[in-house]
PDB file of N, CA and C in Angstrom:
ATOM      1  N   MET A   1     -14.852  15.033  -2.465  1.00  0.00           N
ATOM      2  CA  MET A   1     -16.075  15.408  -3.146  1.00  0.00           C
ATOM      3  C   MET A   1     -16.372  16.902  -2.959  1.00  0.00           C
ATOM      4  N   LYS A   2     -16.164  17.395  -1.728  1.00  0.00           N
ATOM      5  CA  LYS A   2     -16.421  18.800  -1.440  1.00  0.00           C
ATOM      6  C   LYS A   2     -15.461  19.702  -2.218  1.00  0.00           C
ATOM      7  N   LYS A   3     -14.179  19.268  -2.314  1.00  0.00           N
ATOM      8  CA  LYS A   3     -13.197  20.058  -3.054  1.00  0.00           C
ATOM      9  C   LYS A   3     -13.544  20.119  -4.532  1.00  0.00           C
ATOM     10  N   LEU A   4     -13.995  19.011  -5.084  1.00  0.00           N
ATOM     11  CA  LEU A   4     -14.358  18.970  -6.495  1.00  0.00           C
ATOM     12  C   LEU A   4     -15.505  19.937  -6.782  1.00  0.00           C
ATOM     13  N   LEU A   5     -16.503  19.972  -5.917  1.00  0.00           N
ATOM     14  CA  LEU A   5     -17.613  20.894  -6.079  1.00  0.00           C
ATOM     15  C   LEU A   5     -17.138  22.342  -5.965  1.00  0.00           C
ATOM     16  N   THR A   6     -16.243  22.612  -5.043  1.00  0.00           N
ATOM     17  CA  THR A   6     -15.692  23.956  -4.870  1.00  0.00           C
ATOM     18  C   THR A   6     -14.951  24.386  -6.118  1.00  0.00           C
ATOM     19  N   TYR A   7     -14.138  23.516  -6.704  1.00  0.00           N
ATOM     20  CA  TYR A   7     -13.401  23.843  -7.914  1.00  0.00           C
ATOM     21  C   TYR A   7     -14.338  24.089  -9.096  1.00  0.00           C
ATOM     22  N   LYS A   8     -15.394  23.294  -9.204  1.00  0.00           N
ATOM     23  CA  LYS A   8     -16.358  23.484 -10.285  1.00  0.00           C
ATOM     24  C   LYS A   8     -17.056  24.835 -10.151  1.00  0.00           C
ATOM     25  N   LEU A   9     -17.431  25.188  -8.928  1.00  0.00           N
ATOM     26  CA  LEU A   9     -18.070  26.483  -8.702  1.00  0.00           C
ATOM     27  C   LEU A   9     -17.115  27.634  -9.013  1.00  0.00           C
ATOM     28  N   LEU A  10     -15.857  27.484  -8.653  1.00  0.00           N
ATOM     29  CA  LEU A  10     -14.859  28.506  -8.937  1.00  0.00           C
ATOM     30  C   LEU A  10     -14.685  28.689 -10.435  1.00  0.00           C
ATOM     31  N   ILE A  11     -14.630  27.595 -11.171  1.00  0.00           N
ATOM     32  CA  ILE A  11     -14.483  27.677 -12.629  1.00  0.00           C
ATOM     33  C   ILE A  11     -15.698  28.355 -13.248  1.00  0.00           C
ATOM     34  N   LEU A  12     -16.898  28.006 -12.805  1.00  0.00           N
ATOM     35  CA  LEU A  12     -18.103  28.650 -13.321  1.00  0.00           C
ATOM     36  C   LEU A  12     -18.100  30.153 -13.017  1.00  0.00           C
ATOM     37  N   PHE A  13     -17.687  30.519 -11.820  1.00  0.00           N
ATOM     38  CA  PHE A  13     -17.614  31.929 -11.446  1.00  0.00           C
ATOM     39  C   PHE A  13     -16.652  32.675 -12.363  1.00  0.00           C
ATOM     40  N   ILE A  14     -15.504  32.101 -12.622  1.00  0.00           N
ATOM     41  CA  ILE A  14     -14.510  32.744 -13.494  1.00  0.00           C
ATOM     42  C   ILE A  14     -15.058  32.891 -14.904  1.00  0.00           C
ATOM     43  N   LEU A  15     -15.695  31.862 -15.429  1.00  0.00           N
ATOM     44  CA  LEU A  15     -16.251  31.937 -16.777  1.00  0.00           C
ATOM     45  C   LEU A  15     -17.304  33.025 -16.894  1.00  0.00           C
ATOM     46  N   PHE A  16     -18.228  33.105 -15.927  1.00  0.00           N
ATOM     47  CA  PHE A  16     -19.255  34.136 -15.984  1.00  0.00           C
ATOM     48  C   PHE A  16     -18.673  35.519 -15.735  1.00  0.00           C
ATOM     49  N   SER A  17     -17.657  35.632 -14.913  1.00  0.00           N
ATOM     50  CA  SER A  17     -17.015  36.921 -14.661  1.00  0.00           C
ATOM     51  C   SER A  17     -16.339  37.423 -15.922  1.00  0.00           C
ATOM     52  N   GLN A  18     -15.686  36.550 -16.647  1.00  0.00           N
ATOM     53  CA  GLN A  18     -15.019  36.944 -17.880  1.00  0.00           C
ATOM     54  C   GLN A  18     -16.025  37.450 -18.906  1.00  0.00           C
ATOM     55  N   LYS A  19     -17.171  36.813 -18.984  1.00  0.00           N
ATOM     56  CA  LYS A  19     -18.198  37.240 -19.926  1.00  0.00           C
ATOM     57  C   LYS A  19     -18.696  38.634 -19.562  1.00  0.00           C
ATOM     58  N   ALA A  20     -18.905  38.906 -18.289  1.00  0.00           N
ATOM     59  CA  ALA A  20     -19.378  40.225 -17.860  1.00  0.00           C
ATOM     60  C   ALA A  20     -18.325  41.288 -18.122  1.00  0.00           C
ATOM     61  N   ILE A  21     -17.071  40.964 -17.883  1.00  0.00           N
ATOM     62  CA  ILE A  21     -15.988  41.921 -18.090  1.00  0.00           C
ATOM     63  C   ILE A  21     -15.799  42.217 -19.573  1.00  0.00           C
ATOM     64  N   SER A  22     -16.000  41.227 -20.420  1.00  0.00           N
ATOM     65  CA  SER A  22     -15.749  41.405 -21.837  1.00  0.00           C
ATOM     66  C   SER A  22     -16.736  42.370 -22.492  1.00  0.00           C
ATOM     67  N   SER A  23     -17.862  42.692 -21.849  1.00  0.00           N
ATOM     68  CA  SER A  23     -18.824  43.612 -22.430  1.00  0.00           C
ATOM     69  C   SER A  23     -18.501  45.067 -22.076  1.00  0.00           C
ATOM     70  N   CYS A  24     -17.387  45.301 -21.408  1.00  0.00           N
ATOM     71  CA  CYS A  24     -16.971  46.650 -21.037  1.00  0.00           C
ATOM     72  C   CYS A  24     -15.708  47.044 -21.797  1.00  0.00           C
ATOM     73  N   TYR A  25     -15.549  48.348 -22.000  1.00  0.00           N
ATOM     74  CA  TYR A  25     -14.304  48.860 -22.560  1.00  0.00           C
ATOM     75  C   TYR A  25     -14.006  50.214 -21.936  1.00  0.00           C
ATOM     76  N   SER A  26     -12.781  50.642 -22.044  1.00  0.00           N
ATOM     77  CA  SER A  26     -12.345  51.901 -21.435  1.00  0.00           C
ATOM     78  C   SER A  26     -11.895  52.884 -22.503  1.00  0.00           C
ATOM     79  N   LYS A  27     -12.096  54.156 -22.222  1.00  0.00           N
ATOM     80  CA  LYS A  27     -11.677  55.242 -23.110  1.00  0.00           C
ATOM     81  C   LYS A  27     -11.025  56.333 -22.263  1.00  0.00           C
ATOM     82  N   TYR A  28     -10.097  57.061 -22.861  1.00  0.00           N
ATOM     83  CA  TYR A  28      -9.458  58.188 -22.180  1.00  0.00           C
ATOM     84  C   TYR A  28      -9.523  59.406 -23.091  1.00  0.00           C
ATOM     85  N   ASP A  29      -9.953  60.543 -22.564  1.00  0.00           N
ATOM     86  CA  ASP A  29     -10.032  61.794 -23.311  1.00  0.00           C
ATOM     87  C   ASP A  29      -8.859  62.674 -22.889  1.00  0.00           C
ATOM     88  N   TRP A  30      -7.861  62.769 -23.754  1.00  0.00           N
ATOM     89  CA  TRP A  30      -6.651  63.528 -23.428  1.00  0.00           C
ATOM     90  C   TRP A  30      -6.937  65.018 -23.248  1.00  0.00           C
ATOM     91  N   ALA A  31      -7.932  65.553 -23.947  1.00  0.00           N
ATOM     92  CA  ALA A  31      -8.232  66.983 -23.866  1.00  0.00           C
ATOM     93  C   ALA A  31      -8.770  67.377 -22.494  1.00  0.00           C
ATOM     94  N   THR A  32      -9.581  66.517 -21.886  1.00  0.00           N
ATOM     95  CA  THR A  32     -10.192  66.857 -20.597  1.00  0.00           C
ATOM     96  C   THR A  32      -9.551  66.130 -19.422  1.00  0.00           C
ATOM     97  N   GLY A  33      -8.842  65.050 -19.696  1.00  0.00           N
ATOM     98  CA  GLY A  33      -8.277  64.233 -18.623  1.00  0.00           C
ATOM     99  C   GLY A  33      -9.275  63.254 -18.038  1.00  0.00           C
ATOM    100  N   ASN A  34     -10.432  63.119 -18.682  1.00  0.00           N
ATOM    101  CA  ASN A  34     -11.458  62.191 -18.207  1.00  0.00           C
ATOM    102  C   ASN A  34     -11.205  60.786 -18.745  1.00  0.00           C
ATOM    103  N   SER A  35     -11.411  59.802 -17.891  1.00  0.00           N
ATOM    104  CA  SER A  35     -11.380  58.415 -18.331  1.00  0.00           C
ATOM    105  C   SER A  35     -12.769  57.828 -18.124  1.00  0.00           C
ATOM    106  N   TYR A  36     -13.155  56.945 -19.034  1.00  0.00           N
ATOM    107  CA  TYR A  36     -14.494  56.383 -19.024  1.00  0.00           C
ATOM    108  C   TYR A  36     -14.433  54.868 -19.110  1.00  0.00           C
ATOM    109  N   GLN A  37     -15.326  54.205 -18.397  1.00  0.00           N
ATOM    110  CA  GLN A  37     -15.545  52.779 -18.564  1.00  0.00           C
ATOM    111  C   GLN A  37     -16.990  52.648 -19.042  1.00  0.00           C
ATOM    112  N   VAL A  38     -17.167  52.026 -20.198  1.00  0.00           N
ATOM    113  CA  VAL A  38     -18.481  51.868 -20.805  1.00  0.00           C
ATOM    114  C   VAL A  38     -18.834  50.387 -20.791  1.00  0.00           C
ATOM    115  N   CYS A  39     -19.987  50.051 -20.202  1.00  0.00           N
ATOM    116  CA  CYS A  39     -20.414  48.653 -20.095  1.00  0.00           C
ATOM    117  C   CYS A  39     -21.794  48.486 -20.712  1.00  0.00           C
ATOM    118  N   ASN A  40     -21.894  47.558 -21.652  1.00  0.00           N
ATOM    119  CA  ASN A  40     -23.175  47.225 -22.255  1.00  0.00           C
ATOM    120  C   ASN A  40     -23.819  46.154 -21.402  1.00  0.00           C
ATOM    121  N   ASN A  41     -25.007  46.458 -20.865  1.00  0.00           N
ATOM    122  CA  ASN A  41     -25.711  45.547 -19.967  1.00  0.00           C
ATOM    123  C   ASN A  41     -26.924  44.901 -20.628  1.00  0.00           C
ATOM    124  N   GLY A  42     -26.932  44.781 -21.913  1.00  0.00           N
ATOM    125  CA  GLY A  42     -28.098  44.242 -22.608  1.00  0.00           C
ATOM    126  C   GLY A  42     -29.047  45.354 -22.978  1.00  0.00           C
ATOM    127  N   GLY A  43     -30.027  45.674 -22.139  1.00  0.00           N
ATOM    128  CA  GLY A  43     -30.998  46.721 -22.410  1.00  0.00           C
ATOM    129  C   GLY A  43     -30.571  48.098 -21.933  1.00  0.00           C
ATOM    130  N   SER A  44     -29.358  48.215 -21.427  1.00  0.00           N
ATOM    131  CA  SER A  44     -28.871  49.511 -20.947  1.00  0.00           C
ATOM    132  C   SER A  44     -27.352  49.582 -21.104  1.00  0.00           C
ATOM    133  N   THR A  45     -26.842  50.798 -20.999  1.00  0.00           N
ATOM    134  CA  THR A  45     -25.403  51.036 -21.041  1.00  0.00           C
ATOM    135  C   THR A  45     -25.026  51.872 -19.830  1.00  0.00           C
ATOM    136  N   THR A  46     -24.009  51.444 -19.103  1.00  0.00           N
ATOM    137  CA  THR A  46     -23.543  52.191 -17.940  1.00  0.00           C
ATOM    138  C   THR A  46     -22.183  52.803 -18.254  1.00  0.00           C
ATOM    139  N   ILE A  47     -22.059  54.083 -17.956  1.00  0.00           N
ATOM    140  CA  ILE A  47     -20.806  54.803 -18.163  1.00  0.00           C
ATOM    141  C   ILE A  47     -20.324  55.291 -16.809  1.00  0.00           C
ATOM    142  N   ARG A  48     -19.102  54.930 -16.467  1.00  0.00           N
ATOM    143  CA  ARG A  48     -18.462  55.423 -15.243  1.00  0.00           C
ATOM    144  C   ARG A  48     -17.312  56.310 -15.673  1.00  0.00           C
ATOM    145  N   GLY A  49     -17.300  57.514 -15.168  1.00  0.00           N
ATOM    146  CA  GLY A  49     -16.245  58.451 -15.534  1.00  0.00           C
ATOM    147  C   GLY A  49     -15.497  58.934 -14.319  1.00  0.00           C
ATOM    148  N   ASN A  50     -14.232  59.276 -14.531  1.00  0.00           N
ATOM    149  CA  ASN A  50     -13.472  59.917 -13.461  1.00  0.00           C
ATOM    150  C   ASN A  50     -12.375  60.775 -14.049  1.00  0.00           C
ATOM    151  N   ASN A  51     -11.935  61.722 -13.245  1.00  0.00           N
ATOM    152  CA  ASN A  51     -10.847  62.609 -13.613  1.00  0.00           C
ATOM    153  C   ASN A  51      -9.874  62.604 -12.448  1.00  0.00           C
ATOM    154  N   PHE A  52      -8.715  61.994 -12.657  1.00  0.00           N
ATOM    155  CA  PHE A  52      -7.743  61.883 -11.577  1.00  0.00           C
ATOM    156  C   PHE A  52      -7.155  63.237 -11.201  1.00  0.00           C
ATOM    157  N   GLY A  53      -7.149  64.180 -12.145  1.00  0.00           N
ATOM    158  CA  GLY A  53      -6.626  65.518 -11.865  1.00  0.00           C
ATOM    159  C   GLY A  53      -7.488  66.284 -10.872  1.00  0.00           C
ATOM    160  N   THR A  54      -8.796  66.175 -11.011  1.00  0.00           N
ATOM    161  CA  THR A  54      -9.710  66.902 -10.124  1.00  0.00           C
ATOM    162  C   THR A  54     -10.235  66.028  -8.996  1.00  0.00           C
ATOM    163  N   GLY A  55     -10.088  64.710  -9.150  1.00  0.00           N
ATOM    164  CA  GLY A  55     -10.582  63.788  -8.133  1.00  0.00           C
ATOM    165  C   GLY A  55     -12.068  63.507  -8.234  1.00  0.00           C
ATOM    166  N   SER A  56     -12.712  63.987  -9.292  1.00  0.00           N
ATOM    167  CA  SER A  56     -14.162  63.783  -9.414  1.00  0.00           C
ATOM    168  C   SER A  56     -14.482  62.487 -10.153  1.00  0.00           C
ATOM    169  N   SER A  57     -15.653  61.942  -9.852  1.00  0.00           N
ATOM    170  CA  SER A  57     -16.136  60.756 -10.556  1.00  0.00           C
ATOM    171  C   SER A  57     -17.649  60.837 -10.664  1.00  0.00           C
ATOM    172  N   TRP A  58     -18.206  60.150 -11.643  1.00  0.00           N
ATOM    173  CA  TRP A  58     -19.629  60.173 -11.889  1.00  0.00           C
ATOM    174  C   TRP A  58     -20.012  58.897 -12.615  1.00  0.00           C
ATOM    175  N   THR A  59     -21.304  58.633 -12.657  1.00  0.00           N
ATOM    176  CA  THR A  59     -21.798  57.445 -13.344  1.00  0.00           C
ATOM    177  C   THR A  59     -23.165  57.739 -13.947  1.00  0.00           C
ATOM    178  N   GLN A  60     -23.470  57.069 -15.053  1.00  0.00           N
ATOM    179  CA  GLN A  60     -24.793  57.200 -15.661  1.00  0.00           C
ATOM    180  C   GLN A  60     -25.168  55.893 -16.329  1.00  0.00           C
ATOM    181  N   THR A  61     -26.426  55.495 -16.171  1.00  0.00           N
ATOM    182  CA  THR A  61     -26.971  54.340 -16.872  1.00  0.00           C
ATOM    183  C   THR A  61     -28.032  54.837 -17.837  1.00  0.00           C
ATOM    184  N   GLN A  62     -27.819  54.550 -19.109  1.00  0.00           N
ATOM    185  CA  GLN A  62     -28.753  54.937 -20.172  1.00  0.00           C
ATOM    186  C   GLN A  62     -29.540  53.700 -20.582  1.00  0.00           C
ATOM    187  N   ASN A  63     -30.860  53.761 -20.471  1.00  0.00           N
ATOM    188  CA  ASN A  63     -31.723  52.636 -20.828  1.00  0.00           C
ATOM    189  C   ASN A  63     -32.188  52.746 -22.276  1.00  0.00           C
ATOM    190  N   SER A  64     -32.505  51.611 -22.880  1.00  0.00           N
ATOM    191  CA  SER A  64     -32.909  51.599 -24.283  1.00  0.00           C
ATOM    192  C   SER A  64     -34.227  52.342 -24.524  1.00  0.00           C
ATOM    193  N   ASN A  65     -35.028  52.562 -23.493  1.00  0.00           N
ATOM    194  CA  ASN A  65     -36.293  53.289 -23.659  1.00  0.00           C
ATOM    195  C   ASN A  65     -36.122  54.811 -23.566  1.00  0.00           C
ATOM    196  N   GLY A  66     -34.891  55.288 -23.394  1.00  0.00           N
ATOM    197  CA  GLY A  66     -34.624  56.727 -23.350  1.00  0.00           C
ATOM    198  C   GLY A  66     -34.451  57.293 -21.963  1.00  0.00           C
ATOM    199  N   THR A  67     -34.786  56.538 -20.931  1.00  0.00           N
ATOM    200  CA  THR A  67     -34.599  57.033 -19.564  1.00  0.00           C
ATOM    201  C   THR A  67     -33.155  56.828 -19.128  1.00  0.00           C
ATOM    202  N   TYR A  68     -32.726  57.634 -18.182  1.00  0.00           N
ATOM    203  CA  TYR A  68     -31.372  57.509 -17.651  1.00  0.00           C
ATOM    204  C   TYR A  68     -31.347  57.926 -16.189  1.00  0.00           C
ATOM    205  N   SER A  69     -30.297  57.505 -15.489  1.00  0.00           N
ATOM    206  CA  SER A  69     -30.108  57.895 -14.100  1.00  0.00           C
ATOM    207  C   SER A  69     -28.634  57.763 -13.773  1.00  0.00           C
ATOM    208  N   GLY A  70     -28.224  58.433 -12.708  1.00  0.00           N
ATOM    209  CA  GLY A  70     -26.824  58.348 -12.319  1.00  0.00           C
ATOM    210  C   GLY A  70     -26.516  59.232 -11.132  1.00  0.00           C
ATOM    211  N   THR A  71     -25.227  59.415 -10.909  1.00  0.00           N
ATOM    212  CA  THR A  71     -24.754  60.330  -9.876  1.00  0.00           C
ATOM    213  C   THR A  71     -23.787  61.312 -10.511  1.00  0.00           C
ATOM    214  N   ASP A  72     -23.926  62.587 -10.134  1.00  0.00           N
ATOM    215  CA  ASP A  72     -23.032  63.601 -10.680  1.00  0.00           C
ATOM    216  C   ASP A  72     -21.723  63.633  -9.897  1.00  0.00           C
ATOM    217  N   LYS A  73     -20.826  64.546 -10.254  1.00  0.00           N
ATOM    218  CA  LYS A  73     -19.499  64.596  -9.621  1.00  0.00           C
ATOM    219  C   LYS A  73     -19.558  64.920  -8.129  1.00  0.00           C
ATOM    220  N   SER A  74     -20.691  65.464  -7.661  1.00  0.00           N
ATOM    221  CA  SER A  74     -20.858  65.755  -6.235  1.00  0.00           C
ATOM    222  C   SER A  74     -21.545  64.621  -5.489  1.00  0.00           C
ATOM    223  N   GLY A  75     -21.881  63.542  -6.203  1.00  0.00           N
ATOM    224  CA  GLY A  75     -22.534  62.406  -5.581  1.00  0.00           C
ATOM    225  C   GLY A  75     -24.048  62.513  -5.530  1.00  0.00           C
ATOM    226  N   ASN A  76     -24.610  63.525  -6.191  1.00  0.00           N
ATOM    227  CA  ASN A  76     -26.057  63.715  -6.219  1.00  0.00           C
ATOM    228  C   ASN A  76     -26.701  62.776  -7.242  1.00  0.00           C
ATOM    229  N   TYR A  77     -27.768  62.118  -6.856  1.00  0.00           N
ATOM    230  CA  TYR A  77     -28.501  61.214  -7.742  1.00  0.00           C
ATOM    231  C   TYR A  77     -29.421  62.015  -8.650  1.00  0.00           C
ATOM    232  N   TYR A  78     -29.485  61.638  -9.929  1.00  0.00           N
ATOM    233  CA  TYR A  78     -30.382  62.310 -10.870  1.00  0.00           C
ATOM    234  C   TYR A  78     -31.053  61.293 -11.773  1.00  0.00           C
ATOM    235  N   THR A  79     -32.171  61.712 -12.362  1.00  0.00           N
ATOM    236  CA  THR A  79     -32.895  60.895 -13.341  1.00  0.00           C
ATOM    237  C   THR A  79     -33.303  61.788 -14.500  1.00  0.00           C
ATOM    238  N   GLY A  80     -33.589  61.171 -15.631  1.00  0.00           N
ATOM    239  CA  GLY A  80     -34.031  61.945 -16.780  1.00  0.00           C
ATOM    240  C   GLY A  80     -34.619  61.061 -17.854  1.00  0.00           C
ATOM    241  N   ASN A  81     -35.120  61.727 -18.887  1.00  0.00           N
ATOM    242  CA  ASN A  81     -35.732  61.042 -20.009  1.00  0.00           C
ATOM    243  C   ASN A  81     -35.368  61.803 -21.279  1.00  0.00           C
ATOM    244  N   ASN A  82     -34.630  61.169 -22.170  1.00  0.00           N
ATOM    245  CA  ASN A  82     -34.223  61.825 -23.421  1.00  0.00           C
ATOM    246  C   ASN A  82     -35.410  62.091 -24.347  1.00  0.00           C
ATOM    247  N   ASN A  83     -36.467  61.314 -24.240  1.00  0.00           N
ATOM    248  CA  ASN A  83     -37.633  61.487 -25.112  1.00  0.00           C
ATOM    249  C   ASN A  83     -38.436  62.730 -24.766  1.00  0.00           C
ATOM    250  N   THR A  84     -38.545  63.047 -23.493  1.00  0.00           N
ATOM    251  CA  THR A  84     -39.344  64.199 -23.057  1.00  0.00           C
ATOM    252  C   THR A  84     -38.490  65.414 -22.686  1.00  0.00           C
ATOM    253  N   GLY A  85     -37.208  65.199 -22.433  1.00  0.00           N
ATOM    254  CA  GLY A  85     -36.341  66.282 -21.983  1.00  0.00           C
ATOM    255  C   GLY A  85     -36.381  66.484 -20.475  1.00  0.00           C
ATOM    256  N   GLN A  86     -37.138  65.658 -19.771  1.00  0.00           N
ATOM    257  CA  GLN A  86     -37.257  65.769 -18.309  1.00  0.00           C
ATOM    258  C   GLN A  86     -35.925  65.406 -17.657  1.00  0.00           C
ATOM    259  N   TYR A  87     -35.540  66.184 -16.618  1.00  0.00           N
ATOM    260  CA  TYR A  87     -34.336  65.926 -15.828  1.00  0.00           C
ATOM    261  C   TYR A  87     -34.608  66.402 -14.414  1.00  0.00           C
ATOM    262  N   TYR A  88     -34.194  65.614 -13.425  1.00  0.00           N
ATOM    263  CA  TYR A  88     -34.313  66.057 -12.042  1.00  0.00           C
ATOM    264  C   TYR A  88     -33.114  65.571 -11.249  1.00  0.00           C
ATOM    265  N   ASN A  89     -32.472  66.499 -10.526  1.00  0.00           N
ATOM    266  CA  ASN A  89     -31.339  66.179  -9.667  1.00  0.00           C
ATOM    267  C   ASN A  89     -31.836  66.241  -8.225  1.00  0.00           C
ATOM    268  N   TYR A  90     -31.824  65.090  -7.549  1.00  0.00           N
ATOM    269  CA  TYR A  90     -32.367  64.989  -6.189  1.00  0.00           C
ATOM    270  C   TYR A  90     -31.501  65.706  -5.159  1.00  0.00           C
ATOM    271  N   GLY A  91     -30.227  65.885  -5.439  1.00  0.00           N
ATOM    272  CA  GLY A  91     -29.347  66.564  -4.488  1.00  0.00           C
ATOM    273  C   GLY A  91     -29.431  68.064  -4.565  1.00  0.00           C
ATOM    274  N   THR A  92     -29.536  68.604  -5.785  1.00  0.00           N
ATOM    275  CA  THR A  92     -29.563  70.056  -5.966  1.00  0.00           C
ATOM    276  C   THR A  92     -30.972  70.615  -6.119  1.00  0.00           C
ATOM    277  N   GLY A  93     -31.928  69.741  -6.450  1.00  0.00           N
ATOM    278  CA  GLY A  93     -33.298  70.199  -6.689  1.00  0.00           C
ATOM    279  C   GLY A  93     -33.509  70.764  -8.078  1.00  0.00           C
ATOM    280  N   LYS A  94     -32.491  70.737  -8.917  1.00  0.00           N
ATOM    281  CA  LYS A  94     -32.605  71.275 -10.275  1.00  0.00           C
ATOM    282  C   LYS A  94     -33.502  70.371 -11.113  1.00  0.00           C
ATOM    283  N   SER A  95     -34.453  71.003 -11.817  1.00  0.00           N
ATOM    284  CA  SER A  95     -35.314  70.242 -12.721  1.00  0.00           C
ATOM    285  C   SER A  95     -35.380  70.961 -14.061  1.00  0.00           C
ATOM    286  N   CYS A  96     -35.438  70.171 -15.127  1.00  0.00           N
ATOM    287  CA  CYS A  96     -35.536  70.709 -16.475  1.00  0.00           C
ATOM    288  C   CYS A  96     -36.621  69.957 -17.217  1.00  0.00           C
ATOM    289  N   TYR A  97     -37.273  70.657 -18.140  1.00  0.00           N
ATOM    290  CA  TYR A  97     -38.334  70.075 -18.957  1.00  0.00           C
ATOM    291  C   TYR A  97     -38.226  70.590 -20.372  1.00  0.00           C
ATOM    292  N   GLY A  98     -38.639  69.789 -21.313  1.00  0.00           N
ATOM    293  CA  GLY A  98     -38.682  70.208 -22.706  1.00  0.00           C
ATOM    294  C   GLY A  98     -37.395  69.885 -23.434  1.00  0.00           C
ATOM    295  N   LYS A  99     -37.416  70.167 -24.745  1.00  0.00           N
ATOM    296  CA  LYS A  99     -36.275  69.843 -25.593  1.00  0.00           C
ATOM    297  C   LYS A  99     -35.903  71.041 -26.455  1.00  0.00           C
ATOM    298  N   GLY A 100     -34.648  71.112 -26.823  1.00  0.00           N
ATOM    299  CA  GLY A 100     -34.157  72.154 -27.716  1.00  0.00           C
ATOM    300  C   GLY A 100     -34.379  73.551 -27.178  1.00  0.00           C
ATOM    301  N   ALA A 101     -34.850  74.450 -28.032  1.00  0.00           N
ATOM    302  CA  ALA A 101     -35.065  75.863 -27.653  1.00  0.00           C
ATOM    303  C   ALA A 101     -36.179  75.998 -26.606  1.00  0.00           C
ATOM    304  N   PHE A 102     -37.029  74.984 -26.478  1.00  0.00           N
ATOM    305  CA  PHE A 102     -38.141  75.042 -25.527  1.00  0.00           C
ATOM    306  C   PHE A 102     -37.769  74.473 -24.157  1.00  0.00           C
ATOM    307  N   ARG A 103     -36.528  74.060 -23.979  1.00  0.00           N
ATOM    308  CA  ARG A 103     -36.082  73.490 -22.707  1.00  0.00           C
ATOM    309  C   ARG A 103     -35.960  74.580 -21.657  1.00  0.00           C
ATOM    310  N   THR A 104     -36.558  74.333 -20.491  1.00  0.00           N
ATOM    311  CA  THR A 104     -36.469  75.281 -19.375  1.00  0.00           C
ATOM    312  C   THR A 104     -35.970  74.544 -18.139  1.00  0.00           C
ATOM    313  N   CYS A 105     -35.124  75.220 -17.393  1.00  0.00           N
ATOM    314  CA  CYS A 105     -34.576  74.643 -16.153  1.00  0.00           C
ATOM    315  C   CYS A 105     -34.857  75.590 -14.996  1.00  0.00           C
TER     316      CYS A 105
END
């Protein structure tokens, strides 16, 4: 009985894992050497990037409301908002506000 329950749980885990994996795809940019994994999470999209030549990696999650957050190639956490132009990097202290020609950093 215990083995049967274990097998059922394993099958359910595999089925749900496959569904989560199927919402992701990979891209490679030959010009820059960057590779990307893009995952649709329902209300957000997560992009993980890396460059094997330089050894750098980064990640960003873009939310459907225009906000985003991630880590840059140095591992610094940042947040921003595409609607307002706001950006703040917690590791470097860099902040930006505004959009287009009115954007100041």
